[in-house]
C-alpha cells in the first residue's frame, strides 16, 4: 500500500523545497551563529541600541526547561506563528500551517522557543503551540515500512516523499513510524526529525 502525504493529505501539501542537510549540519550552523541566543523584547530595548544577547551557562541545555538544546518537537497547532523575537510584539516572520510538522528547538526564553524546520525557516513560537510528540518527515520516495527493523522483513506499506508520520520509538538506525493508520519500521537515515544513532521509546 502506498501512503500519500501525511497518510491522507493531498499533493498540494508536498514541500516545495529540497531537504536541507541532516540535523548535525543544521546544528553546526546554529552554533556558528551564536545560538542559543535570546533576543531582548522590543519593549525592553533602548532606541538606536542593538538587541541584547544572553547565553545559557550550558549551551547544550535549555535555560528554561533543562531539556537538551537542540532537540526535536512537533507543531501542535493547525496554524503557528513564528516571530522575530520572543514576544507577541515582535513581527511574524513565518507561519507553520501543518500540524505535526517536526521542528528543532535551538533556543529558549521564558514561554518562547526558537525553532527551525528542515529548510532552516522558523522563529520564536509560544510553547503552547508545540508538542513533545516526536514526528518525522520522509525524505525519500516509496519508503518501505517493514514489519521488523530488518530489510528482509515483510513490507507493510510504502510512504511517499514528504509524508509526516509519528515516531513511536527509535533504535540506533531504525525507527517505528505510524503513517495513515499503518505502523512499521523505517530506516532512520531516510527521515528528518531524528538524529543519526538516536534511541528513544
N, C-alpha and C. Protein backbone atom coordinates (compact mmCIF):
# COMPACT_ATOMS: atom_id res chain seq x y z
N UNK A 1 0.85 -1.18 0.00
CA UNK A 1 0.00 0.00 0.00
C UNK A 1 0.88 1.23 0.00
N UNK A 2 0.57 2.19 -0.89
CA UNK A 2 1.33 3.44 -0.96
C UNK A 2 0.62 4.48 -0.12
N UNK A 3 1.34 5.06 0.82
CA UNK A 3 0.77 6.08 1.70
C UNK A 3 1.13 7.44 1.16
N UNK A 4 0.13 8.29 0.93
CA UNK A 4 0.37 9.63 0.42
C UNK A 4 0.81 10.57 1.51
N UNK A 5 0.85 11.86 1.19
CA UNK A 5 1.32 12.84 2.14
C UNK A 5 0.48 12.82 3.39
N UNK A 6 1.17 12.71 4.53
CA UNK A 6 0.54 12.67 5.84
C UNK A 6 -0.48 11.56 5.93
N UNK A 7 -0.39 10.58 5.07
CA UNK A 7 -1.32 9.46 5.10
C UNK A 7 -2.59 9.75 4.35
N UNK A 8 -3.13 10.99 4.49
CA UNK A 8 -4.41 11.32 3.88
C UNK A 8 -4.39 12.62 3.10
N UNK A 9 -3.41 13.49 3.34
CA UNK A 9 -3.41 14.80 2.71
C UNK A 9 -3.10 14.69 1.23
N UNK A 10 -3.46 15.73 0.48
CA UNK A 10 -3.27 15.73 -0.96
C UNK A 10 -1.90 16.23 -1.36
N UNK A 11 -1.64 16.23 -2.66
CA UNK A 11 -0.32 16.60 -3.17
C UNK A 11 -0.01 18.08 -2.95
N UNK A 12 -1.03 18.91 -2.70
CA UNK A 12 -0.75 20.33 -2.52
C UNK A 12 0.06 20.58 -1.26
N UNK A 13 0.12 19.60 -0.33
CA UNK A 13 0.89 19.77 0.88
C UNK A 13 2.35 19.39 0.71
N UNK A 14 2.71 18.88 -0.48
CA UNK A 14 4.09 18.43 -0.69
C UNK A 14 5.04 19.61 -0.55
N UNK A 15 6.11 19.49 0.25
CA UNK A 15 7.05 20.59 0.39
C UNK A 15 7.61 21.03 -0.96
N UNK A 16 7.78 22.34 -1.14
CA UNK A 16 8.24 22.88 -2.41
C UNK A 16 9.75 23.05 -2.45
N UNK A 17 10.42 22.79 -1.34
CA UNK A 17 11.87 22.95 -1.30
C UNK A 17 12.53 21.60 -1.08
N UNK A 18 13.78 21.53 -1.47
CA UNK A 18 14.54 20.30 -1.27
C UNK A 18 15.02 20.24 0.18
N UNK A 19 15.10 19.04 0.74
CA UNK A 19 15.56 18.92 2.13
C UNK A 19 16.96 19.48 2.31
N UNK A 20 17.19 20.09 3.47
CA UNK A 20 18.50 20.60 3.83
C UNK A 20 19.33 19.46 4.39
N UNK A 21 20.60 19.72 4.71
CA UNK A 21 21.44 18.66 5.26
C UNK A 21 20.89 18.08 6.55
N UNK A 22 21.41 16.95 6.97
CA UNK A 22 20.98 16.28 8.19
C UNK A 22 21.08 17.23 9.37
N UNK A 23 20.37 16.95 10.47
CA UNK A 23 20.34 17.85 11.62
C UNK A 23 21.72 18.22 12.16
N UNK A 24 22.70 17.32 12.05
CA UNK A 24 24.02 17.64 12.57
C UNK A 24 24.60 18.86 11.86
N UNK A 25 24.35 18.96 10.55
CA UNK A 25 24.83 20.12 9.80
C UNK A 25 24.10 21.37 10.21
N UNK A 26 22.77 21.24 10.43
CA UNK A 26 21.99 22.39 10.84
C UNK A 26 22.40 22.84 12.23
N UNK A 27 22.69 21.88 13.12
CA UNK A 27 23.12 22.21 14.47
C UNK A 27 24.42 23.00 14.43
N UNK A 28 25.34 22.60 13.56
CA UNK A 28 26.60 23.32 13.44
C UNK A 28 26.37 24.74 12.97
N UNK A 29 25.43 24.91 12.03
CA UNK A 29 25.14 26.24 11.51
C UNK A 29 24.56 27.12 12.60
N UNK A 30 23.68 26.56 13.41
CA UNK A 30 23.09 27.32 14.51
C UNK A 30 24.16 27.71 15.52
N UNK A 31 25.05 26.77 15.84
CA UNK A 31 26.12 27.05 16.80
C UNK A 31 27.05 28.13 16.28
N UNK A 32 27.33 28.09 14.97
CA UNK A 32 28.22 29.08 14.37
C UNK A 32 27.63 30.48 14.44
N UNK A 33 26.31 30.53 14.44
CA UNK A 33 25.63 31.83 14.51
C UNK A 33 25.54 32.35 15.94
N UNK A 34 26.01 31.56 16.90
CA UNK A 34 26.00 32.01 18.28
C UNK A 34 24.81 31.52 19.06
N UNK A 35 24.00 30.61 18.54
CA UNK A 35 22.84 30.12 19.26
C UNK A 35 23.31 29.16 20.35
N UNK A 36 22.55 28.96 21.45
CA UNK A 36 21.24 29.55 21.59
C UNK A 36 21.30 31.03 21.96
N UNK A 37 20.54 31.85 21.28
CA UNK A 37 20.50 33.27 21.54
C UNK A 37 19.14 33.64 22.11
N UNK A 38 19.12 34.64 22.94
CA UNK A 38 17.87 35.16 23.49
C UNK A 38 17.81 36.63 23.14
N UNK A 39 16.86 37.01 22.33
CA UNK A 39 16.74 38.40 21.92
C UNK A 39 15.88 39.14 22.94
N UNK A 40 16.32 40.33 23.32
CA UNK A 40 15.54 41.12 24.26
C UNK A 40 14.30 41.64 23.56
N UNK A 41 13.09 41.49 24.17
CA UNK A 41 11.88 42.01 23.54
C UNK A 41 12.01 43.49 23.21
N UNK A 42 11.28 43.91 22.17
CA UNK A 42 11.35 45.29 21.69
C UNK A 42 11.08 46.29 22.81
N UNK A 43 10.11 45.97 23.70
CA UNK A 43 9.72 46.90 24.75
C UNK A 43 10.87 47.19 25.70
N UNK A 44 11.88 46.30 25.77
CA UNK A 44 12.99 46.49 26.70
C UNK A 44 14.23 47.06 26.03
N UNK A 45 14.18 47.24 24.73
CA UNK A 45 15.35 47.74 24.03
C UNK A 45 15.38 49.27 24.07
N UNK A 46 16.59 49.82 24.15
CA UNK A 46 16.72 51.26 24.07
C UNK A 46 16.83 51.65 22.62
N UNK A 47 16.45 52.87 22.30
CA UNK A 47 16.50 53.32 20.91
C UNK A 47 17.93 53.37 20.43
N UNK A 48 18.13 53.02 19.16
CA UNK A 48 19.43 53.03 18.50
C UNK A 48 20.41 52.06 19.12
N UNK A 49 19.91 51.11 19.92
CA UNK A 49 20.81 50.13 20.53
C UNK A 49 20.56 48.77 19.92
N UNK A 50 21.62 47.99 19.77
CA UNK A 50 21.47 46.64 19.23
C UNK A 50 20.81 45.75 20.27
N UNK A 51 20.04 44.74 19.84
CA UNK A 51 19.39 43.84 20.79
C UNK A 51 20.43 43.17 21.69
N UNK A 52 20.07 43.07 22.97
CA UNK A 52 20.97 42.41 23.92
C UNK A 52 20.95 40.91 23.68
N UNK A 53 22.08 40.28 23.90
CA UNK A 53 22.20 38.84 23.68
C UNK A 53 22.60 38.19 25.01
N UNK A 54 21.89 37.11 25.36
CA UNK A 54 22.23 36.36 26.57
C UNK A 54 22.42 34.90 26.20
N UNK A 55 23.31 34.24 26.90
CA UNK A 55 23.59 32.84 26.62
C UNK A 55 23.34 32.00 27.86
N UNK A 56 22.93 30.76 27.64
CA UNK A 56 22.79 29.84 28.76
C UNK A 56 24.20 29.44 29.23
N UNK A 57 24.32 29.09 30.52
CA UNK A 57 25.61 28.65 31.04
C UNK A 57 26.08 27.40 30.32
N UNK A 58 25.16 26.50 30.05
CA UNK A 58 25.48 25.28 29.31
C UNK A 58 24.75 25.33 27.98
N UNK A 59 25.47 25.53 26.86
CA UNK A 59 24.79 25.66 25.56
C UNK A 59 24.07 24.40 25.12
N UNK A 60 24.34 23.27 25.78
CA UNK A 60 23.68 22.03 25.41
C UNK A 60 22.40 21.76 26.18
N UNK A 61 22.01 22.70 27.07
CA UNK A 61 20.82 22.52 27.90
C UNK A 61 19.98 23.79 27.86
N UNK A 62 18.67 23.64 27.70
CA UNK A 62 17.78 24.80 27.69
C UNK A 62 17.74 25.48 29.04
N UNK A 63 17.91 26.81 29.11
CA UNK A 63 17.92 27.52 30.39
C UNK A 63 16.57 27.54 31.08
N UNK A 64 15.49 27.29 30.35
CA UNK A 64 14.15 27.31 30.94
C UNK A 64 13.70 25.92 31.34
N UNK A 65 13.79 24.96 30.41
CA UNK A 65 13.26 23.62 30.65
C UNK A 65 14.30 22.64 31.18
N UNK A 66 15.57 22.89 30.93
CA UNK A 66 16.58 21.93 31.29
C UNK A 66 16.70 20.78 30.30
N UNK A 67 15.92 20.83 29.21
CA UNK A 67 15.98 19.80 28.18
C UNK A 67 17.14 20.10 27.23
N UNK A 68 17.57 19.10 26.46
CA UNK A 68 18.70 19.31 25.55
C UNK A 68 18.40 20.38 24.49
N UNK A 69 19.44 21.10 24.12
CA UNK A 69 19.41 22.06 23.01
C UNK A 69 20.55 21.70 22.07
N UNK A 70 20.29 21.44 20.80
CA UNK A 70 18.96 21.42 20.16
C UNK A 70 18.22 20.12 20.45
N UNK A 71 16.90 20.12 20.18
CA UNK A 71 16.08 18.92 20.32
C UNK A 71 14.91 19.04 19.36
N UNK A 72 14.26 17.91 19.10
CA UNK A 72 13.12 17.89 18.19
C UNK A 72 11.80 17.90 18.96
N UNK A 73 10.86 18.68 18.44
CA UNK A 73 9.48 18.67 18.91
C UNK A 73 8.61 18.72 17.66
N UNK A 74 7.30 18.89 17.83
CA UNK A 74 6.43 19.00 16.66
C UNK A 74 5.43 20.13 16.87
N UNK A 75 4.89 20.62 15.76
CA UNK A 75 3.88 21.69 15.81
C UNK A 75 2.55 21.08 16.23
N UNK A 76 1.97 21.61 17.32
CA UNK A 76 0.71 21.07 17.84
C UNK A 76 -0.50 21.74 17.21
N UNK A 77 -0.36 23.01 16.84
CA UNK A 77 -1.48 23.78 16.33
C UNK A 77 -1.61 23.66 14.81
N UNK A 78 -2.81 23.95 14.31
CA UNK A 78 -3.02 23.97 12.86
C UNK A 78 -2.29 25.15 12.23
N UNK A 79 -2.25 26.27 12.95
CA UNK A 79 -1.52 27.46 12.50
C UNK A 79 -0.64 27.93 13.65
N UNK A 80 0.65 28.08 13.41
CA UNK A 80 1.58 28.52 14.45
C UNK A 80 2.46 29.64 13.89
N UNK A 81 2.38 30.81 14.50
CA UNK A 81 3.17 31.95 14.06
C UNK A 81 4.57 31.90 14.66
N UNK A 82 5.58 32.06 13.81
CA UNK A 82 6.97 32.13 14.25
C UNK A 82 7.39 33.60 14.16
N UNK A 83 7.81 34.17 15.29
CA UNK A 83 8.08 35.60 15.36
C UNK A 83 9.57 35.92 15.39
N UNK A 84 9.86 37.20 15.12
CA UNK A 84 11.24 37.67 15.06
C UNK A 84 11.92 37.56 16.43
N UNK A 85 11.17 37.74 17.50
CA UNK A 85 11.70 37.67 18.85
C UNK A 85 10.71 37.00 19.78
N UNK A 86 11.09 36.77 21.05
CA UNK A 86 10.26 36.02 22.00
C UNK A 86 9.18 36.85 22.69
N UNK A 87 8.29 37.42 21.91
CA UNK A 87 7.12 38.10 22.47
C UNK A 87 6.12 38.36 21.35
N UNK A 88 4.86 38.58 21.70
CA UNK A 88 3.83 38.83 20.69
C UNK A 88 3.97 40.20 20.04
N UNK A 89 4.84 41.05 20.59
CA UNK A 89 5.06 42.36 19.98
C UNK A 89 6.02 42.28 18.80
N UNK A 90 6.68 41.16 18.63
CA UNK A 90 7.60 41.00 17.51
C UNK A 90 6.85 40.60 16.24
N UNK A 91 7.44 40.98 15.12
CA UNK A 91 6.86 40.70 13.81
C UNK A 91 6.84 39.20 13.53
N UNK A 92 5.80 38.76 12.83
CA UNK A 92 5.71 37.36 12.39
C UNK A 92 6.56 37.19 11.14
N UNK A 93 7.53 36.28 11.23
CA UNK A 93 8.42 36.02 10.10
C UNK A 93 7.99 34.80 9.30
N UNK A 94 7.29 33.87 9.94
CA UNK A 94 6.95 32.60 9.29
C UNK A 94 5.69 32.04 9.93
N UNK A 95 4.89 31.34 9.13
CA UNK A 95 3.69 30.71 9.67
C UNK A 95 3.71 29.23 9.30
N UNK A 96 3.70 28.38 10.33
CA UNK A 96 3.60 26.94 10.11
C UNK A 96 2.12 26.57 9.99
N UNK A 97 1.76 25.86 8.92
CA UNK A 97 0.36 25.53 8.68
C UNK A 97 0.16 24.02 8.53
N UNK A 98 1.02 23.26 9.15
CA UNK A 98 0.94 21.81 9.03
C UNK A 98 1.09 21.18 10.40
N UNK A 99 -0.01 20.76 10.98
CA UNK A 99 0.03 20.13 12.30
C UNK A 99 0.89 18.87 12.25
N UNK A 100 1.69 18.68 13.29
CA UNK A 100 2.56 17.51 13.34
C UNK A 100 3.92 17.73 12.70
N UNK A 101 4.15 18.89 12.08
CA UNK A 101 5.43 19.16 11.44
C UNK A 101 6.57 19.10 12.47
N UNK A 102 7.61 18.30 12.20
CA UNK A 102 8.75 18.28 13.13
C UNK A 102 9.58 19.55 12.99
N UNK A 103 10.01 20.08 14.12
CA UNK A 103 10.89 21.25 14.13
C UNK A 103 11.96 21.02 15.18
N UNK A 104 13.04 21.79 15.07
CA UNK A 104 14.15 21.68 16.02
C UNK A 104 14.18 22.91 16.91
N UNK A 105 14.14 22.71 18.22
CA UNK A 105 14.27 23.80 19.18
C UNK A 105 15.75 24.12 19.33
N UNK A 106 16.12 25.39 19.08
CA UNK A 106 17.52 25.79 19.15
C UNK A 106 17.78 26.83 20.24
N UNK A 107 16.72 27.36 20.88
CA UNK A 107 16.88 28.33 21.97
C UNK A 107 15.59 28.42 22.77
N UNK A 108 15.69 28.92 24.01
CA UNK A 108 14.54 29.09 24.89
C UNK A 108 14.62 30.45 25.56
N UNK A 109 13.45 31.04 25.81
CA UNK A 109 13.38 32.28 26.59
C UNK A 109 11.97 32.38 27.16
N UNK A 110 11.83 32.24 28.47
CA UNK A 110 10.51 32.29 29.09
C UNK A 110 9.57 31.25 28.51
N UNK A 111 8.41 31.71 28.05
CA UNK A 111 7.42 30.81 27.45
C UNK A 111 7.64 30.62 25.96
N UNK A 112 8.77 31.05 25.43
CA UNK A 112 9.01 31.02 23.98
C UNK A 112 10.15 30.06 23.63
N UNK A 113 9.99 29.43 22.46
CA UNK A 113 11.01 28.52 21.96
C UNK A 113 11.38 28.94 20.54
N UNK A 114 12.67 29.05 20.28
CA UNK A 114 13.12 29.37 18.92
C UNK A 114 13.28 28.06 18.16
N UNK A 115 12.56 27.93 17.04
CA UNK A 115 12.57 26.68 16.29
C UNK A 115 12.93 26.92 14.83
N UNK A 116 13.45 25.87 14.19
CA UNK A 116 13.70 25.89 12.76
C UNK A 116 13.19 24.58 12.17
N UNK A 117 12.75 24.64 10.91
CA UNK A 117 12.33 23.42 10.25
C UNK A 117 13.49 22.86 9.44
N UNK A 118 13.23 21.85 8.62
CA UNK A 118 14.32 21.19 7.90
C UNK A 118 14.95 22.09 6.85
N UNK A 119 14.26 23.17 6.46
CA UNK A 119 14.81 24.11 5.48
C UNK A 119 15.46 25.32 6.15
N UNK A 120 15.47 25.33 7.48
CA UNK A 120 16.08 26.44 8.21
C UNK A 120 15.14 27.59 8.49
N UNK A 121 13.86 27.49 8.07
CA UNK A 121 12.89 28.56 8.33
C UNK A 121 12.32 28.39 9.73
N UNK A 122 11.90 29.50 10.33
CA UNK A 122 11.30 29.42 11.65
C UNK A 122 11.39 30.72 12.39
N UNK A 123 11.43 30.65 13.72
CA UNK A 123 11.45 31.83 14.57
C UNK A 123 11.02 31.43 15.97
N UNK A 124 10.58 32.42 16.74
CA UNK A 124 10.17 32.20 18.12
C UNK A 124 8.68 31.85 18.18
N UNK A 125 8.37 30.72 18.81
CA UNK A 125 7.00 30.23 18.91
C UNK A 125 6.64 30.03 20.39
N UNK A 126 5.41 30.39 20.77
CA UNK A 126 4.96 30.18 22.14
C UNK A 126 4.90 28.68 22.41
N UNK A 127 5.32 28.29 23.60
CA UNK A 127 5.45 26.86 23.91
C UNK A 127 4.13 26.10 23.81
N UNK A 128 2.99 26.79 23.97
CA UNK A 128 1.70 26.11 23.91
C UNK A 128 1.36 25.62 22.51
N UNK A 129 2.08 26.11 21.50
CA UNK A 129 1.84 25.69 20.12
C UNK A 129 2.69 24.49 19.72
N UNK A 130 3.50 24.00 20.67
CA UNK A 130 4.42 22.91 20.39
C UNK A 130 4.05 21.67 21.21
N UNK A 131 4.43 20.52 20.70
CA UNK A 131 4.18 19.24 21.37
C UNK A 131 5.47 18.46 21.49
N UNK A 132 5.58 17.70 22.57
CA UNK A 132 6.73 16.83 22.74
C UNK A 132 6.64 15.55 21.92
N UNK A 133 5.50 15.34 21.26
CA UNK A 133 5.35 14.14 20.44
C UNK A 133 6.34 14.20 19.28
N UNK A 134 7.06 13.12 19.09
CA UNK A 134 8.07 13.07 18.04
C UNK A 134 7.45 12.66 16.71
N UNK A 135 7.75 13.43 15.70
CA UNK A 135 7.32 13.14 14.34
C UNK A 135 8.53 13.28 13.43
N UNK A 136 8.37 12.85 12.19
CA UNK A 136 9.47 12.99 11.23
C UNK A 136 8.90 13.10 9.82
N UNK A 137 9.70 13.67 8.93
CA UNK A 137 9.33 13.81 7.52
C UNK A 137 10.12 12.79 6.71
N UNK A 138 9.42 12.09 5.83
CA UNK A 138 10.06 11.13 4.93
C UNK A 138 10.82 11.89 3.85
N UNK A 139 12.09 11.58 3.68
CA UNK A 139 12.93 12.32 2.73
C UNK A 139 13.25 11.53 1.47
N UNK A 140 12.70 10.35 1.32
CA UNK A 140 12.88 9.56 0.11
C UNK A 140 11.52 9.10 -0.39
N UNK A 141 11.43 8.77 -1.66
CA UNK A 141 10.15 8.31 -2.20
C UNK A 141 10.02 6.80 -2.00
N UNK A 142 8.79 6.38 -1.75
CA UNK A 142 8.46 4.96 -1.58
C UNK A 142 9.28 4.32 -0.47
N UNK A 143 9.26 4.96 0.70
CA UNK A 143 9.98 4.43 1.85
C UNK A 143 9.25 3.22 2.41
N UNK A 144 9.90 2.05 2.47
CA UNK A 144 9.23 0.85 2.99
C UNK A 144 9.02 0.91 4.50
N UNK A 145 7.84 0.50 4.95
CA UNK A 145 7.57 0.30 6.36
C UNK A 145 7.61 -1.21 6.60
N UNK A 146 8.65 -1.66 7.28
CA UNK A 146 8.86 -3.08 7.49
C UNK A 146 8.17 -3.57 8.76
N UNK A 147 7.86 -4.85 8.77
CA UNK A 147 7.23 -5.46 9.95
C UNK A 147 8.19 -5.48 11.13
N UNK A 148 9.47 -5.61 10.85
CA UNK A 148 10.51 -5.62 11.86
C UNK A 148 11.65 -4.72 11.39
N UNK A 149 12.56 -4.29 12.29
CA UNK A 149 13.70 -3.46 11.87
C UNK A 149 14.74 -4.29 11.13
N UNK A 150 14.36 -4.74 9.95
CA UNK A 150 15.20 -5.63 9.15
C UNK A 150 14.75 -5.51 7.69
N UNK A 151 15.69 -5.27 6.79
CA UNK A 151 15.35 -5.12 5.37
C UNK A 151 14.76 -6.40 4.77
N UNK A 152 15.01 -7.53 5.41
CA UNK A 152 14.48 -8.80 4.91
C UNK A 152 13.06 -9.06 5.39
N UNK A 153 12.54 -8.19 6.28
CA UNK A 153 11.20 -8.39 6.84
C UNK A 153 10.12 -8.03 5.82
N UNK A 154 8.90 -8.44 6.12
CA UNK A 154 7.74 -8.14 5.29
C UNK A 154 7.51 -6.62 5.24
N UNK A 155 7.22 -6.10 4.04
CA UNK A 155 6.91 -4.67 3.88
C UNK A 155 5.41 -4.48 4.05
N UNK A 156 5.02 -3.70 5.04
CA UNK A 156 3.61 -3.47 5.31
C UNK A 156 3.01 -2.39 4.42
N UNK A 157 3.79 -1.37 4.11
CA UNK A 157 3.32 -0.25 3.28
C UNK A 157 4.52 0.54 2.82
N UNK A 158 4.28 1.51 1.94
CA UNK A 158 5.33 2.41 1.48
C UNK A 158 4.84 3.85 1.64
N UNK A 159 5.72 4.72 2.05
CA UNK A 159 5.38 6.12 2.27
C UNK A 159 6.02 7.00 1.20
N UNK A 160 5.28 7.98 0.74
CA UNK A 160 5.79 8.89 -0.28
C UNK A 160 6.69 9.96 0.32
N UNK A 161 7.47 10.58 -0.55
CA UNK A 161 8.32 11.70 -0.17
C UNK A 161 7.47 12.82 0.44
N UNK A 162 7.89 13.36 1.57
CA UNK A 162 7.19 14.48 2.20
C UNK A 162 6.15 14.09 3.22
N UNK A 163 5.87 12.80 3.38
CA UNK A 163 4.90 12.35 4.38
C UNK A 163 5.41 12.66 5.78
N UNK A 164 4.51 13.08 6.66
CA UNK A 164 4.83 13.26 8.07
C UNK A 164 4.20 12.11 8.84
N UNK A 165 4.99 11.44 9.66
CA UNK A 165 4.49 10.34 10.46
C UNK A 165 4.91 10.48 11.91
N UNK A 166 4.22 9.77 12.80
CA UNK A 166 4.55 9.77 14.22
C UNK A 166 5.62 8.73 14.50
N UNK A 167 6.58 9.09 15.32
CA UNK A 167 7.63 8.16 15.72
C UNK A 167 7.27 7.54 17.05
N UNK A 168 7.20 6.21 17.10
CA UNK A 168 6.87 5.50 18.34
C UNK A 168 8.12 5.18 19.14
N UNK A 169 9.16 4.78 18.46
CA UNK A 169 10.44 4.53 19.10
C UNK A 169 11.53 4.46 18.04
N UNK A 170 12.76 4.67 18.48
CA UNK A 170 13.90 4.55 17.58
C UNK A 170 14.97 3.74 18.27
N UNK A 171 15.62 2.87 17.49
CA UNK A 171 16.73 2.06 17.97
C UNK A 171 17.87 2.20 16.98
N UNK A 172 18.88 2.92 17.37
CA UNK A 172 20.07 3.09 16.53
C UNK A 172 19.69 3.57 15.14
N UNK A 173 19.67 2.69 14.15
CA UNK A 173 19.44 3.11 12.76
C UNK A 173 18.02 2.89 12.28
N UNK A 174 17.10 2.49 13.18
CA UNK A 174 15.72 2.20 12.79
C UNK A 174 14.74 2.93 13.70
N UNK A 175 13.58 3.31 13.11
CA UNK A 175 12.51 3.93 13.88
C UNK A 175 11.18 3.26 13.53
N UNK A 176 10.35 3.06 14.56
CA UNK A 176 9.00 2.59 14.31
C UNK A 176 8.12 3.81 14.06
N UNK A 177 7.49 3.84 12.89
CA UNK A 177 6.75 5.02 12.44
C UNK A 177 5.31 4.65 12.11
N UNK A 178 4.40 5.54 12.42
CA UNK A 178 2.99 5.33 12.08
C UNK A 178 2.56 6.40 11.07
N UNK A 179 2.04 5.94 9.95
CA UNK A 179 1.61 6.84 8.89
C UNK A 179 0.27 6.35 8.34
N UNK A 180 -0.74 7.20 8.35
CA UNK A 180 -2.03 6.86 7.76
C UNK A 180 -2.64 5.58 8.30
N UNK A 181 -2.44 5.31 9.58
CA UNK A 181 -3.02 4.12 10.18
C UNK A 181 -2.15 2.88 10.05
N UNK A 182 -1.04 2.97 9.33
CA UNK A 182 -0.12 1.85 9.18
C UNK A 182 1.12 2.10 10.05
N UNK A 183 1.59 1.05 10.68
CA UNK A 183 2.77 1.16 11.52
C UNK A 183 3.83 0.19 11.04
N UNK A 184 5.07 0.65 10.99
CA UNK A 184 6.16 -0.21 10.57
C UNK A 184 7.50 0.42 10.88
N UNK A 185 8.55 -0.35 10.66
CA UNK A 185 9.92 0.11 10.92
C UNK A 185 10.54 0.68 9.66
N UNK A 186 11.16 1.84 9.81
CA UNK A 186 11.81 2.50 8.68
C UNK A 186 13.25 2.83 9.05
N UNK A 187 14.07 2.99 8.05
CA UNK A 187 15.46 3.36 8.30
C UNK A 187 15.55 4.84 8.68
N UNK A 188 16.18 5.12 9.80
CA UNK A 188 16.24 6.48 10.33
C UNK A 188 16.91 7.46 9.38
N UNK A 189 17.84 6.99 8.58
CA UNK A 189 18.57 7.88 7.68
C UNK A 189 17.66 8.46 6.59
N UNK A 190 16.46 7.88 6.41
CA UNK A 190 15.51 8.37 5.41
C UNK A 190 14.55 9.39 5.99
N UNK A 191 14.79 9.84 7.23
CA UNK A 191 13.87 10.75 7.92
C UNK A 191 14.57 12.05 8.31
N UNK A 192 13.78 13.14 8.38
CA UNK A 192 14.24 14.36 9.05
C UNK A 192 13.37 14.51 10.29
N UNK A 193 14.03 14.59 11.45
CA UNK A 193 13.31 14.69 12.71
C UNK A 193 13.88 13.76 13.75
N UNK A 194 14.95 13.09 13.40
CA UNK A 194 15.64 12.20 14.33
C UNK A 194 17.14 12.27 14.03
N UNK A 195 17.95 12.31 15.08
CA UNK A 195 19.40 12.36 14.88
C UNK A 195 19.96 11.00 14.55
N UNK A 196 21.04 10.95 13.80
CA UNK A 196 21.68 9.65 13.50
C UNK A 196 22.07 8.93 14.79
N UNK A 197 21.66 7.67 14.89
CA UNK A 197 22.00 6.87 16.05
C UNK A 197 21.16 7.14 17.29
N UNK A 198 20.16 8.03 17.19
CA UNK A 198 19.34 8.37 18.36
C UNK A 198 18.44 7.19 18.74
N UNK A 199 18.26 6.98 20.05
CA UNK A 199 17.37 5.94 20.55
C UNK A 199 16.42 6.52 21.59
N UNK A 200 15.15 6.17 21.50
CA UNK A 200 14.14 6.55 22.50
C UNK A 200 12.94 5.65 22.34
N UNK A 201 12.09 5.62 23.38
CA UNK A 201 10.83 4.85 23.28
C UNK A 201 9.75 5.55 24.09
